[in-house]
Amino acid sequence: MLERKELVALLEDQVQLGVRSVDEATQALFDAALSEGEVTAAVIRLQRAAQRAVKLPPQGKMEAMLKKGVIDAGTFRAGLFSLGFREPWLSRLVQLETAPELA
């Protein structure tokens, strides 16, 4: 049986590779009877691993894609959220980029 640290490291690798979701890995931690504190610390590591696995364009590129119709406002909003933007700034940035140009 894997030691606790080895299990967390294995699950972290699997999340980063896309073999397991964060939810599946979290359930595996509970199934292994880790304490609540251990699970909390491990979930933070799992979430970071998932973020490392996802590559996103920078905000400026997403704005350019939105303006050229490559992505829609919903995709733009989701991208900004993934970059760490939260309300009220998330809605304001989407509004700024989708508002009609004034003459």
N, C-alpha and C. Protein backbone atom coordinates (compact mmCIF):
# COMPACT_ATOMS: atom_id res chain seq x y z
N MET A 1 0.85 -1.19 0.00
CA MET A 1 0.00 0.00 0.00
C MET A 1 0.89 1.24 0.00
N LEU A 2 0.45 2.25 -0.72
CA LEU A 2 1.21 3.50 -0.81
C LEU A 2 1.15 4.29 0.48
N GLU A 3 2.26 4.94 0.81
CA GLU A 3 2.26 5.87 1.93
C GLU A 3 1.41 7.08 1.53
N ARG A 4 1.00 7.84 2.50
CA ARG A 4 0.12 8.99 2.24
C ARG A 4 0.76 9.98 1.26
N LYS A 5 2.02 10.32 1.50
CA LYS A 5 2.70 11.29 0.63
C LYS A 5 2.84 10.74 -0.79
N GLU A 6 3.12 9.44 -0.89
CA GLU A 6 3.24 8.82 -2.22
C GLU A 6 1.90 8.84 -2.95
N LEU A 7 0.82 8.58 -2.20
CA LEU A 7 -0.51 8.59 -2.80
C LEU A 7 -0.85 9.98 -3.34
N VAL A 8 -0.59 11.01 -2.53
CA VAL A 8 -0.87 12.38 -2.96
C VAL A 8 -0.05 12.73 -4.19
N ALA A 9 1.24 12.34 -4.20
CA ALA A 9 2.10 12.63 -5.35
C ALA A 9 1.60 11.91 -6.60
N LEU A 10 1.18 10.66 -6.44
CA LEU A 10 0.66 9.89 -7.57
C LEU A 10 -0.61 10.53 -8.12
N LEU A 11 -1.52 10.89 -7.23
CA LEU A 11 -2.77 11.52 -7.67
C LEU A 11 -2.50 12.88 -8.33
N GLU A 12 -1.55 13.62 -7.80
CA GLU A 12 -1.19 14.91 -8.38
C GLU A 12 -0.68 14.72 -9.81
N ASP A 13 0.17 13.73 -10.02
CA ASP A 13 0.67 13.42 -11.36
C ASP A 13 -0.48 13.02 -12.29
N GLN A 14 -1.39 12.20 -11.80
CA GLN A 14 -2.50 11.75 -12.63
C GLN A 14 -3.42 12.90 -13.02
N VAL A 15 -3.65 13.83 -12.11
CA VAL A 15 -4.47 15.00 -12.42
C VAL A 15 -3.77 15.86 -13.47
N GLN A 16 -2.48 16.07 -13.29
CA GLN A 16 -1.75 16.91 -14.25
C GLN A 16 -1.73 16.28 -15.63
N LEU A 17 -1.67 14.96 -15.70
CA LEU A 17 -1.67 14.27 -16.98
C LEU A 17 -3.07 14.15 -17.58
N GLY A 18 -4.09 14.44 -16.78
CA GLY A 18 -5.46 14.34 -17.27
C GLY A 18 -6.05 12.95 -17.14
N VAL A 19 -5.38 12.06 -16.43
CA VAL A 19 -5.86 10.69 -16.25
C VAL A 19 -7.01 10.65 -15.25
N ARG A 20 -6.96 11.54 -14.26
CA ARG A 20 -8.02 11.64 -13.25
C ARG A 20 -8.45 13.10 -13.13
N SER A 21 -9.70 13.29 -12.78
CA SER A 21 -10.18 14.65 -12.48
C SER A 21 -9.84 14.96 -11.02
N VAL A 22 -9.93 16.23 -10.67
CA VAL A 22 -9.70 16.63 -9.28
C VAL A 22 -10.72 15.96 -8.38
N ASP A 23 -11.97 15.85 -8.84
CA ASP A 23 -13.02 15.21 -8.03
C ASP A 23 -12.71 13.73 -7.79
N GLU A 24 -12.27 13.04 -8.83
CA GLU A 24 -11.92 11.63 -8.68
C GLU A 24 -10.74 11.45 -7.72
N ALA A 25 -9.75 12.31 -7.85
CA ALA A 25 -8.58 12.23 -6.97
C ALA A 25 -8.97 12.55 -5.53
N THR A 26 -9.85 13.51 -5.35
CA THR A 26 -10.31 13.86 -4.00
C THR A 26 -11.03 12.68 -3.37
N GLN A 27 -11.86 12.02 -4.16
CA GLN A 27 -12.56 10.84 -3.64
C GLN A 27 -11.57 9.75 -3.25
N ALA A 28 -10.51 9.59 -4.03
CA ALA A 28 -9.48 8.60 -3.70
C ALA A 28 -8.80 8.94 -2.38
N LEU A 29 -8.63 10.22 -2.10
CA LEU A 29 -8.04 10.63 -0.83
C LEU A 29 -8.96 10.28 0.34
N PHE A 30 -10.25 10.52 0.18
CA PHE A 30 -11.19 10.15 1.23
C PHE A 30 -11.24 8.64 1.39
N ASP A 31 -11.21 7.92 0.28
CA ASP A 31 -11.24 6.45 0.33
C ASP A 31 -10.01 5.90 1.05
N ALA A 32 -8.90 6.62 0.99
CA ALA A 32 -7.66 6.18 1.65
C ALA A 32 -7.65 6.58 3.13
N ALA A 33 -8.74 7.15 3.61
CA ALA A 33 -8.92 7.52 5.01
C ALA A 33 -7.91 8.56 5.50
N LEU A 34 -7.59 9.51 4.63
CA LEU A 34 -6.75 10.63 5.07
C LEU A 34 -7.58 11.55 5.95
N SER A 35 -6.92 12.26 6.84
CA SER A 35 -7.64 13.19 7.72
C SER A 35 -8.18 14.35 6.89
N GLU A 36 -9.10 15.09 7.47
CA GLU A 36 -9.67 16.24 6.78
C GLU A 36 -8.60 17.26 6.42
N GLY A 37 -7.67 17.50 7.33
CA GLY A 37 -6.57 18.43 7.07
C GLY A 37 -5.66 17.96 5.95
N GLU A 38 -5.38 16.65 5.92
CA GLU A 38 -4.55 16.10 4.85
C GLU A 38 -5.25 16.21 3.51
N VAL A 39 -6.55 15.95 3.50
CA VAL A 39 -7.31 16.04 2.25
C VAL A 39 -7.34 17.48 1.76
N THR A 40 -7.56 18.42 2.66
CA THR A 40 -7.60 19.84 2.28
C THR A 40 -6.28 20.27 1.66
N ALA A 41 -5.17 19.92 2.29
CA ALA A 41 -3.86 20.28 1.75
C ALA A 41 -3.61 19.60 0.41
N ALA A 42 -4.02 18.35 0.29
CA ALA A 42 -3.81 17.61 -0.95
C ALA A 42 -4.68 18.17 -2.08
N VAL A 43 -5.91 18.57 -1.77
CA VAL A 43 -6.80 19.12 -2.80
C VAL A 43 -6.22 20.41 -3.37
N ILE A 44 -5.60 21.21 -2.55
CA ILE A 44 -4.94 22.42 -3.05
C ILE A 44 -3.85 22.04 -4.05
N ARG A 45 -3.07 21.03 -3.71
CA ARG A 45 -2.02 20.56 -4.64
C ARG A 45 -2.64 20.01 -5.93
N LEU A 46 -3.76 19.30 -5.80
CA LEU A 46 -4.43 18.74 -6.98
C LEU A 46 -4.97 19.85 -7.88
N GLN A 47 -5.54 20.88 -7.29
CA GLN A 47 -6.06 22.00 -8.08
C GLN A 47 -4.93 22.72 -8.81
N ARG A 48 -3.81 22.88 -8.15
CA ARG A 48 -2.66 23.51 -8.80
C ARG A 48 -2.15 22.64 -9.94
N ALA A 49 -2.16 21.33 -9.75
CA ALA A 49 -1.72 20.41 -10.80
C ALA A 49 -2.65 20.53 -12.01
N ALA A 50 -3.94 20.65 -11.75
CA ALA A 50 -4.91 20.78 -12.84
C ALA A 50 -4.69 22.09 -13.59
N GLN A 51 -4.38 23.15 -12.88
CA GLN A 51 -4.12 24.44 -13.52
C GLN A 51 -2.86 24.38 -14.37
N ARG A 52 -1.85 23.68 -13.90
CA ARG A 52 -0.62 23.55 -14.69
C ARG A 52 -0.86 22.78 -15.98
N ALA A 53 -1.84 21.89 -15.95
CA ALA A 53 -2.12 21.07 -17.12
C ALA A 53 -2.84 21.85 -18.21
N VAL A 54 -3.49 22.92 -17.84
CA VAL A 54 -4.28 23.71 -18.79
C VAL A 54 -3.49 24.94 -19.20
N LYS A 55 -3.28 25.09 -20.47
CA LYS A 55 -2.62 26.27 -21.00
C LYS A 55 -3.68 27.20 -21.57
N LEU A 56 -3.64 28.44 -21.16
CA LEU A 56 -4.59 29.43 -21.63
C LEU A 56 -3.85 30.58 -22.29
N PRO A 57 -4.47 31.17 -23.30
CA PRO A 57 -3.85 32.37 -23.87
C PRO A 57 -3.96 33.52 -22.87
N PRO A 58 -3.07 34.49 -22.96
CA PRO A 58 -3.17 35.64 -22.06
C PRO A 58 -4.42 36.45 -22.35
N GLN A 59 -4.76 37.31 -21.41
CA GLN A 59 -5.98 38.12 -21.52
C GLN A 59 -6.03 38.90 -22.83
N GLY A 60 -4.93 39.52 -23.23
CA GLY A 60 -4.90 40.32 -24.46
C GLY A 60 -5.23 39.50 -25.70
N LYS A 61 -4.73 38.28 -25.75
CA LYS A 61 -5.03 37.41 -26.91
C LYS A 61 -6.50 37.01 -26.90
N MET A 62 -7.04 36.76 -25.71
CA MET A 62 -8.47 36.41 -25.65
C MET A 62 -9.33 37.59 -26.10
N GLU A 63 -8.93 38.80 -25.72
CA GLU A 63 -9.66 39.99 -26.16
C GLU A 63 -9.62 40.11 -27.68
N ALA A 64 -8.47 39.85 -28.28
CA ALA A 64 -8.34 39.92 -29.74
C ALA A 64 -9.20 38.85 -30.40
N MET A 65 -9.22 37.65 -29.84
CA MET A 65 -10.05 36.57 -30.41
C MET A 65 -11.53 36.92 -30.31
N LEU A 66 -11.93 37.55 -29.20
CA LEU A 66 -13.32 37.96 -29.04
C LEU A 66 -13.70 38.99 -30.09
N LYS A 67 -12.86 39.98 -30.27
CA LYS A 67 -13.15 41.05 -31.24
C LYS A 67 -13.22 40.54 -32.67
N LYS A 68 -12.45 39.51 -32.99
CA LYS A 68 -12.46 38.96 -34.35
C LYS A 68 -13.47 37.84 -34.53
N GLY A 69 -14.23 37.54 -33.48
CA GLY A 69 -15.26 36.52 -33.59
C GLY A 69 -14.76 35.09 -33.49
N VAL A 70 -13.52 34.90 -33.07
CA VAL A 70 -12.97 33.55 -32.93
C VAL A 70 -13.59 32.86 -31.72
N ILE A 71 -13.86 33.61 -30.65
CA ILE A 71 -14.55 33.09 -29.47
C ILE A 71 -15.74 33.99 -29.17
N ASP A 72 -16.72 33.45 -28.45
CA ASP A 72 -17.88 34.27 -28.07
C ASP A 72 -17.70 34.80 -26.65
N ALA A 73 -18.65 35.60 -26.20
CA ALA A 73 -18.55 36.25 -24.89
C ALA A 73 -18.51 35.22 -23.75
N GLY A 74 -19.24 34.12 -23.90
CA GLY A 74 -19.23 33.08 -22.86
C GLY A 74 -17.87 32.42 -22.71
N THR A 75 -17.23 32.15 -23.84
CA THR A 75 -15.89 31.56 -23.81
C THR A 75 -14.89 32.56 -23.25
N PHE A 76 -15.05 33.82 -23.61
CA PHE A 76 -14.19 34.88 -23.08
C PHE A 76 -14.32 34.95 -21.57
N ARG A 77 -15.56 34.93 -21.08
CA ARG A 77 -15.83 34.97 -19.63
C ARG A 77 -15.19 33.77 -18.94
N ALA A 78 -15.35 32.58 -19.50
CA ALA A 78 -14.77 31.37 -18.90
C ALA A 78 -13.24 31.45 -18.88
N GLY A 79 -12.66 32.00 -19.94
CA GLY A 79 -11.22 32.16 -19.99
C GLY A 79 -10.71 33.12 -18.93
N LEU A 80 -11.41 34.24 -18.76
CA LEU A 80 -11.03 35.20 -17.73
C LEU A 80 -11.16 34.59 -16.33
N PHE A 81 -12.21 33.82 -16.14
CA PHE A 81 -12.40 33.15 -14.85
C PHE A 81 -11.23 32.20 -14.58
N SER A 82 -10.81 31.47 -15.60
CA SER A 82 -9.68 30.54 -15.46
C SER A 82 -8.38 31.27 -15.18
N LEU A 83 -8.29 32.51 -15.65
CA LEU A 83 -7.10 33.32 -15.38
C LEU A 83 -7.11 33.92 -13.97
N GLY A 84 -8.24 33.76 -13.27
CA GLY A 84 -8.31 34.23 -11.89
C GLY A 84 -9.20 35.43 -11.66
N PHE A 85 -9.85 35.94 -12.70
CA PHE A 85 -10.74 37.08 -12.52
C PHE A 85 -12.03 36.63 -11.84
N ARG A 86 -12.52 37.45 -10.91
CA ARG A 86 -13.77 37.17 -10.22
C ARG A 86 -14.64 38.42 -10.26
N GLU A 87 -15.89 38.25 -9.85
CA GLU A 87 -16.84 39.37 -9.83
C GLU A 87 -16.35 40.42 -8.85
N PRO A 88 -16.60 41.68 -9.09
CA PRO A 88 -17.34 42.27 -10.19
C PRO A 88 -16.49 42.49 -11.44
N TRP A 89 -15.17 42.27 -11.33
CA TRP A 89 -14.28 42.58 -12.45
C TRP A 89 -14.53 41.69 -13.66
N LEU A 90 -14.94 40.48 -13.44
CA LEU A 90 -15.22 39.56 -14.54
C LEU A 90 -16.31 40.13 -15.45
N SER A 91 -17.42 40.50 -14.87
CA SER A 91 -18.53 41.06 -15.67
C SER A 91 -18.14 42.38 -16.32
N ARG A 92 -17.39 43.19 -15.60
CA ARG A 92 -17.00 44.49 -16.16
C ARG A 92 -16.07 44.34 -17.34
N LEU A 93 -15.15 43.40 -17.27
CA LEU A 93 -14.24 43.18 -18.41
C LEU A 93 -15.00 42.65 -19.62
N VAL A 94 -15.93 41.74 -19.39
CA VAL A 94 -16.74 41.22 -20.50
C VAL A 94 -17.57 42.35 -21.09
N GLN A 95 -18.16 43.17 -20.25
CA GLN A 95 -18.95 44.29 -20.74
C GLN A 95 -18.09 45.26 -21.54
N LEU A 96 -16.91 45.56 -21.04
CA LEU A 96 -15.99 46.46 -21.73
C LEU A 96 -15.67 45.96 -23.13
N GLU A 97 -15.38 44.69 -23.24
CA GLU A 97 -14.96 44.13 -24.53
C GLU A 97 -16.12 43.84 -25.48
N THR A 98 -17.34 43.76 -24.96
CA THR A 98 -18.49 43.45 -25.82
C THR A 98 -19.37 44.66 -26.09
N ALA A 99 -19.11 45.76 -25.41
CA ALA A 99 -19.93 46.96 -25.61
C ALA A 99 -19.66 47.53 -27.00
N PRO A 100 -20.69 48.07 -27.63
CA PRO A 100 -20.48 48.68 -28.95
C PRO A 100 -19.57 49.92 -28.84
N GLU A 101 -18.80 50.12 -29.87
CA GLU A 101 -17.90 51.28 -29.92
C GLU A 101 -18.73 52.54 -30.07
N LEU A 102 -18.37 53.58 -29.32
CA LEU A 102 -19.04 54.86 -29.45
C LEU A 102 -18.27 55.73 -30.43
N ALA A 103 -18.98 56.46 -31.22
CA ALA A 103 -18.34 57.31 -32.24
C ALA A 103 -17.74 58.55 -31.65
